[in-house]
Amino acid sequence: MLRVMKYISDTCARAHVPCSVCGEMAGRPLEAITLVGLGFESLSMNPTLLGAVKAAIRTMNKAHFSTYLERQIRLPVASLREPIRLYAADHNIFIE
């Protein structure tokens, strides 16, 4: 699924078409940093979730994480949740 999301983000960027993610996924810090790492620049969520997501995004190095994520989505694994969580912990990204 992350490969599909990356494809959508890249396609929209090349076409200069804004693309946003709205909903529960955008409102969870781990998923939010993943979306930002995939290239999404607009996330819409319940306002009560904004603080935690904002803290996570502010503590990440987008360029470094994007490079890491691009390598990871090429791997033949069922889930990247744990590798992304470990990356966040290793790089002091606030996801709790």
N, C-alpha and C. Protein backbone atom coordinates (compact mmCIF):
# COMPACT_ATOMS: atom_id res chain seq x y z
N MET A 1 0.81 -1.19 0.00
CA MET A 1 0.00 0.00 0.00
C MET A 1 0.86 1.26 0.00
N LEU A 2 2.00 1.20 0.72
CA LEU A 2 2.86 2.39 0.76
C LEU A 2 3.45 2.70 -0.61
N ARG A 3 3.71 1.68 -1.40
CA ARG A 3 4.20 1.92 -2.77
C ARG A 3 3.14 2.65 -3.59
N VAL A 4 1.90 2.28 -3.41
CA VAL A 4 0.81 2.94 -4.13
C VAL A 4 0.70 4.39 -3.67
N MET A 5 0.80 4.61 -2.37
CA MET A 5 0.73 5.98 -1.83
C MET A 5 1.88 6.83 -2.38
N LYS A 6 3.07 6.26 -2.45
CA LYS A 6 4.23 6.97 -3.00
C LYS A 6 4.01 7.31 -4.46
N TYR A 7 3.46 6.36 -5.22
CA TYR A 7 3.16 6.59 -6.62
C TYR A 7 2.19 7.76 -6.78
N ILE A 8 1.15 7.79 -5.97
CA ILE A 8 0.16 8.87 -6.02
C ILE A 8 0.82 10.20 -5.70
N SER A 9 1.59 10.24 -4.64
CA SER A 9 2.28 11.47 -4.24
C SER A 9 3.21 11.97 -5.34
N ASP A 10 4.02 11.08 -5.89
CA ASP A 10 4.95 11.47 -6.95
C ASP A 10 4.23 11.95 -8.20
N THR A 11 3.18 11.25 -8.58
CA THR A 11 2.41 11.61 -9.78
C THR A 11 1.79 12.99 -9.61
N CYS A 12 1.22 13.25 -8.45
CA CYS A 12 0.61 14.57 -8.19
C CYS A 12 1.68 15.66 -8.19
N ALA A 13 2.82 15.38 -7.59
CA ALA A 13 3.91 16.37 -7.56
C ALA A 13 4.38 16.71 -8.97
N ARG A 14 4.56 15.70 -9.81
CA ARG A 14 5.00 15.94 -11.18
C ARG A 14 3.98 16.76 -11.97
N ALA A 15 2.71 16.56 -11.67
CA ALA A 15 1.65 17.27 -12.38
C ALA A 15 1.28 18.60 -11.70
N HIS A 16 1.95 18.92 -10.61
CA HIS A 16 1.67 20.14 -9.84
C HIS A 16 0.22 20.18 -9.38
N VAL A 17 -0.26 19.02 -8.95
CA VAL A 17 -1.63 18.88 -8.44
C VAL A 17 -1.54 18.61 -6.94
N PRO A 18 -2.19 19.45 -6.13
CA PRO A 18 -2.13 19.20 -4.69
C PRO A 18 -2.83 17.90 -4.33
N CYS A 19 -2.27 17.21 -3.36
CA CYS A 19 -2.84 15.95 -2.91
C CYS A 19 -2.79 15.91 -1.39
N SER A 20 -3.88 15.59 -0.79
CA SER A 20 -3.99 15.60 0.67
C SER A 20 -4.46 14.25 1.16
N VAL A 21 -4.09 13.93 2.39
CA VAL A 21 -4.60 12.73 3.05
C VAL A 21 -5.44 13.19 4.22
N CYS A 22 -6.63 12.67 4.28
CA CYS A 22 -7.58 13.06 5.32
C CYS A 22 -8.03 11.82 6.07
N GLY A 23 -8.17 11.97 7.37
CA GLY A 23 -8.76 10.88 8.14
C GLY A 23 -7.87 10.34 9.24
N GLU A 24 -8.25 9.19 9.71
CA GLU A 24 -7.62 8.57 10.86
C GLU A 24 -6.13 8.33 10.67
N MET A 25 -5.74 7.90 9.49
CA MET A 25 -4.32 7.63 9.22
C MET A 25 -3.48 8.89 9.40
N ALA A 26 -3.95 10.02 8.90
CA ALA A 26 -3.21 11.27 9.00
C ALA A 26 -3.11 11.76 10.44
N GLY A 27 -3.97 11.30 11.31
CA GLY A 27 -4.01 11.77 12.68
C GLY A 27 -3.20 10.95 13.67
N ARG A 28 -2.49 9.96 13.19
CA ARG A 28 -1.63 9.15 14.07
C ARG A 28 -0.17 9.49 13.76
N PRO A 29 0.61 9.83 14.77
CA PRO A 29 1.98 10.31 14.54
C PRO A 29 2.84 9.38 13.67
N LEU A 30 2.84 8.09 13.92
CA LEU A 30 3.67 7.17 13.13
C LEU A 30 3.25 7.18 11.67
N GLU A 31 1.96 7.12 11.44
CA GLU A 31 1.45 7.14 10.07
C GLU A 31 1.65 8.51 9.42
N ALA A 32 1.52 9.57 10.21
CA ALA A 32 1.69 10.92 9.68
C ALA A 32 3.12 11.14 9.18
N ILE A 33 4.12 10.71 9.97
CA ILE A 33 5.50 10.89 9.49
C ILE A 33 5.74 10.05 8.25
N THR A 34 5.08 8.91 8.17
CA THR A 34 5.22 8.06 6.99
C THR A 34 4.62 8.77 5.77
N LEU A 35 3.46 9.37 5.94
CA LEU A 35 2.84 10.11 4.83
C LEU A 35 3.72 11.28 4.39
N VAL A 36 4.28 11.99 5.33
CA VAL A 36 5.18 13.10 5.00
C VAL A 36 6.42 12.56 4.28
N GLY A 37 6.94 11.45 4.77
CA GLY A 37 8.09 10.82 4.13
C GLY A 37 7.79 10.37 2.71
N LEU A 38 6.54 10.03 2.44
CA LEU A 38 6.14 9.61 1.10
C LEU A 38 5.91 10.81 0.17
N GLY A 39 5.91 12.01 0.76
CA GLY A 39 5.78 13.22 -0.05
C GLY A 39 4.48 13.98 0.10
N PHE A 40 3.59 13.53 0.94
CA PHE A 40 2.34 14.25 1.15
C PHE A 40 2.62 15.46 2.03
N GLU A 41 2.14 16.62 1.59
CA GLU A 41 2.40 17.85 2.33
C GLU A 41 1.16 18.39 3.02
N SER A 42 0.04 17.81 2.75
CA SER A 42 -1.20 18.27 3.36
C SER A 42 -1.90 17.09 4.04
N LEU A 43 -2.07 17.20 5.35
CA LEU A 43 -2.75 16.17 6.12
C LEU A 43 -3.92 16.82 6.84
N SER A 44 -5.04 16.15 6.81
CA SER A 44 -6.23 16.66 7.48
C SER A 44 -6.64 15.65 8.54
N MET A 45 -6.93 16.16 9.76
CA MET A 45 -7.24 15.27 10.86
C MET A 45 -8.13 15.97 11.88
N ASN A 46 -8.61 15.20 12.81
CA ASN A 46 -9.36 15.74 13.93
C ASN A 46 -8.45 16.71 14.68
N PRO A 47 -8.92 17.91 15.00
CA PRO A 47 -8.09 18.90 15.67
C PRO A 47 -7.47 18.42 16.99
N THR A 48 -8.10 17.48 17.66
CA THR A 48 -7.54 16.99 18.93
C THR A 48 -6.25 16.19 18.72
N LEU A 49 -6.00 15.74 17.50
CA LEU A 49 -4.81 14.95 17.19
C LEU A 49 -3.66 15.80 16.65
N LEU A 50 -3.93 17.04 16.37
CA LEU A 50 -2.95 17.91 15.72
C LEU A 50 -1.66 18.07 16.52
N GLY A 51 -1.73 18.22 17.82
CA GLY A 51 -0.53 18.44 18.64
C GLY A 51 0.48 17.32 18.53
N ALA A 52 0.02 16.09 18.65
CA ALA A 52 0.93 14.94 18.58
C ALA A 52 1.52 14.78 17.19
N VAL A 53 0.72 15.00 16.17
CA VAL A 53 1.21 14.88 14.79
C VAL A 53 2.21 15.98 14.50
N LYS A 54 1.91 17.18 14.93
CA LYS A 54 2.81 18.31 14.72
C LYS A 54 4.15 18.07 15.40
N ALA A 55 4.12 17.55 16.63
CA ALA A 55 5.36 17.25 17.35
C ALA A 55 6.19 16.21 16.60
N ALA A 56 5.55 15.19 16.08
CA ALA A 56 6.26 14.15 15.34
C ALA A 56 6.92 14.71 14.09
N ILE A 57 6.17 15.48 13.33
CA ILE A 57 6.69 16.02 12.08
C ILE A 57 7.82 17.01 12.34
N ARG A 58 7.69 17.79 13.37
CA ARG A 58 8.74 18.78 13.69
C ARG A 58 10.04 18.14 14.14
N THR A 59 9.98 16.92 14.65
CA THR A 59 11.20 16.28 15.15
C THR A 59 11.84 15.36 14.12
N MET A 60 11.29 15.29 12.92
CA MET A 60 11.87 14.40 11.91
C MET A 60 12.69 15.19 10.91
N ASN A 61 13.67 14.53 10.32
CA ASN A 61 14.43 15.07 9.21
C ASN A 61 13.78 14.47 7.96
N LYS A 62 12.97 15.26 7.28
CA LYS A 62 12.16 14.75 6.18
C LYS A 62 13.02 14.13 5.08
N ALA A 63 14.09 14.80 4.69
CA ALA A 63 14.91 14.29 3.59
C ALA A 63 15.54 12.93 3.95
N HIS A 64 16.07 12.83 5.15
CA HIS A 64 16.70 11.59 5.59
C HIS A 64 15.67 10.47 5.69
N PHE A 65 14.52 10.77 6.30
CA PHE A 65 13.49 9.76 6.46
C PHE A 65 12.92 9.33 5.11
N SER A 66 12.75 10.28 4.20
CA SER A 66 12.22 9.93 2.87
C SER A 66 13.14 8.96 2.15
N THR A 67 14.44 9.19 2.25
CA THR A 67 15.42 8.29 1.64
C THR A 67 15.32 6.90 2.26
N TYR A 68 15.26 6.86 3.59
CA TYR A 68 15.11 5.58 4.30
C TYR A 68 13.83 4.87 3.85
N LEU A 69 12.74 5.61 3.81
CA LEU A 69 11.44 5.03 3.48
C LEU A 69 11.41 4.50 2.05
N GLU A 70 12.02 5.22 1.12
CA GLU A 70 12.05 4.76 -0.26
C GLU A 70 12.77 3.42 -0.39
N ARG A 71 13.83 3.24 0.38
CA ARG A 71 14.52 1.93 0.37
C ARG A 71 13.64 0.86 0.99
N GLN A 72 12.96 1.19 2.07
CA GLN A 72 12.15 0.21 2.78
C GLN A 72 10.95 -0.26 1.96
N ILE A 73 10.32 0.63 1.22
CA ILE A 73 9.11 0.22 0.48
C ILE A 73 9.44 -0.70 -0.69
N ARG A 74 10.69 -0.80 -1.04
CA ARG A 74 11.10 -1.73 -2.10
C ARG A 74 11.29 -3.15 -1.58
N LEU A 75 11.35 -3.30 -0.27
CA LEU A 75 11.58 -4.63 0.31
C LEU A 75 10.32 -5.48 0.25
N PRO A 76 10.46 -6.77 0.07
CA PRO A 76 9.30 -7.66 0.02
C PRO A 76 8.84 -8.08 1.42
N VAL A 77 8.29 -7.13 2.17
CA VAL A 77 7.81 -7.42 3.53
C VAL A 77 6.33 -7.07 3.62
N ALA A 78 5.66 -7.71 4.55
CA ALA A 78 4.21 -7.49 4.71
C ALA A 78 3.91 -6.18 5.41
N SER A 79 4.77 -5.77 6.32
CA SER A 79 4.50 -4.55 7.09
C SER A 79 5.81 -3.82 7.38
N LEU A 80 5.74 -2.50 7.30
CA LEU A 80 6.90 -1.67 7.65
C LEU A 80 6.69 -0.94 8.97
N ARG A 81 5.60 -1.24 9.66
CA ARG A 81 5.29 -0.54 10.90
C ARG A 81 6.44 -0.61 11.90
N GLU A 82 6.98 -1.79 12.14
CA GLU A 82 8.05 -1.94 13.13
C GLU A 82 9.35 -1.27 12.69
N PRO A 83 9.81 -1.47 11.45
CA PRO A 83 11.01 -0.74 11.02
C PRO A 83 10.85 0.78 11.12
N ILE A 84 9.68 1.30 10.79
CA ILE A 84 9.46 2.74 10.88
C ILE A 84 9.44 3.18 12.34
N ARG A 85 8.81 2.40 13.19
CA ARG A 85 8.79 2.71 14.62
C ARG A 85 10.21 2.72 15.19
N LEU A 86 11.02 1.75 14.80
CA LEU A 86 12.41 1.69 15.27
C LEU A 86 13.23 2.86 14.73
N TYR A 87 13.00 3.22 13.48
CA TYR A 87 13.67 4.39 12.91
C TYR A 87 13.33 5.63 13.73
N ALA A 88 12.06 5.80 14.04
CA ALA A 88 11.63 6.96 14.82
C ALA A 88 12.31 6.98 16.19
N ALA A 89 12.37 5.83 16.84
CA ALA A 89 13.02 5.76 18.14
C ALA A 89 14.51 6.07 18.03
N ASP A 90 15.17 5.53 17.04
CA ASP A 90 16.61 5.76 16.84
C ASP A 90 16.94 7.20 16.49
N HIS A 91 15.99 7.90 15.88
CA HIS A 91 16.23 9.27 15.43
C HIS A 91 15.46 10.31 16.26
N ASN A 92 15.01 9.88 17.43
CA ASN A 92 14.33 10.78 18.38
C ASN A 92 13.14 11.52 17.78
N ILE A 93 12.38 10.80 17.00
CA ILE A 93 11.14 11.37 16.44
C ILE A 93 10.03 11.04 17.43
N PHE A 94 9.34 12.05 17.88
CA PHE A 94 8.31 11.91 18.88
C PHE A 94 7.04 11.32 18.25
N ILE A 95 6.76 10.04 18.53
CA ILE A 95 5.58 9.40 17.93
C ILE A 95 4.59 8.89 18.97
N GLU A 96 4.81 9.16 20.21
CA GLU A 96 3.91 8.66 21.26
C GLU A 96 2.82 9.63 21.60
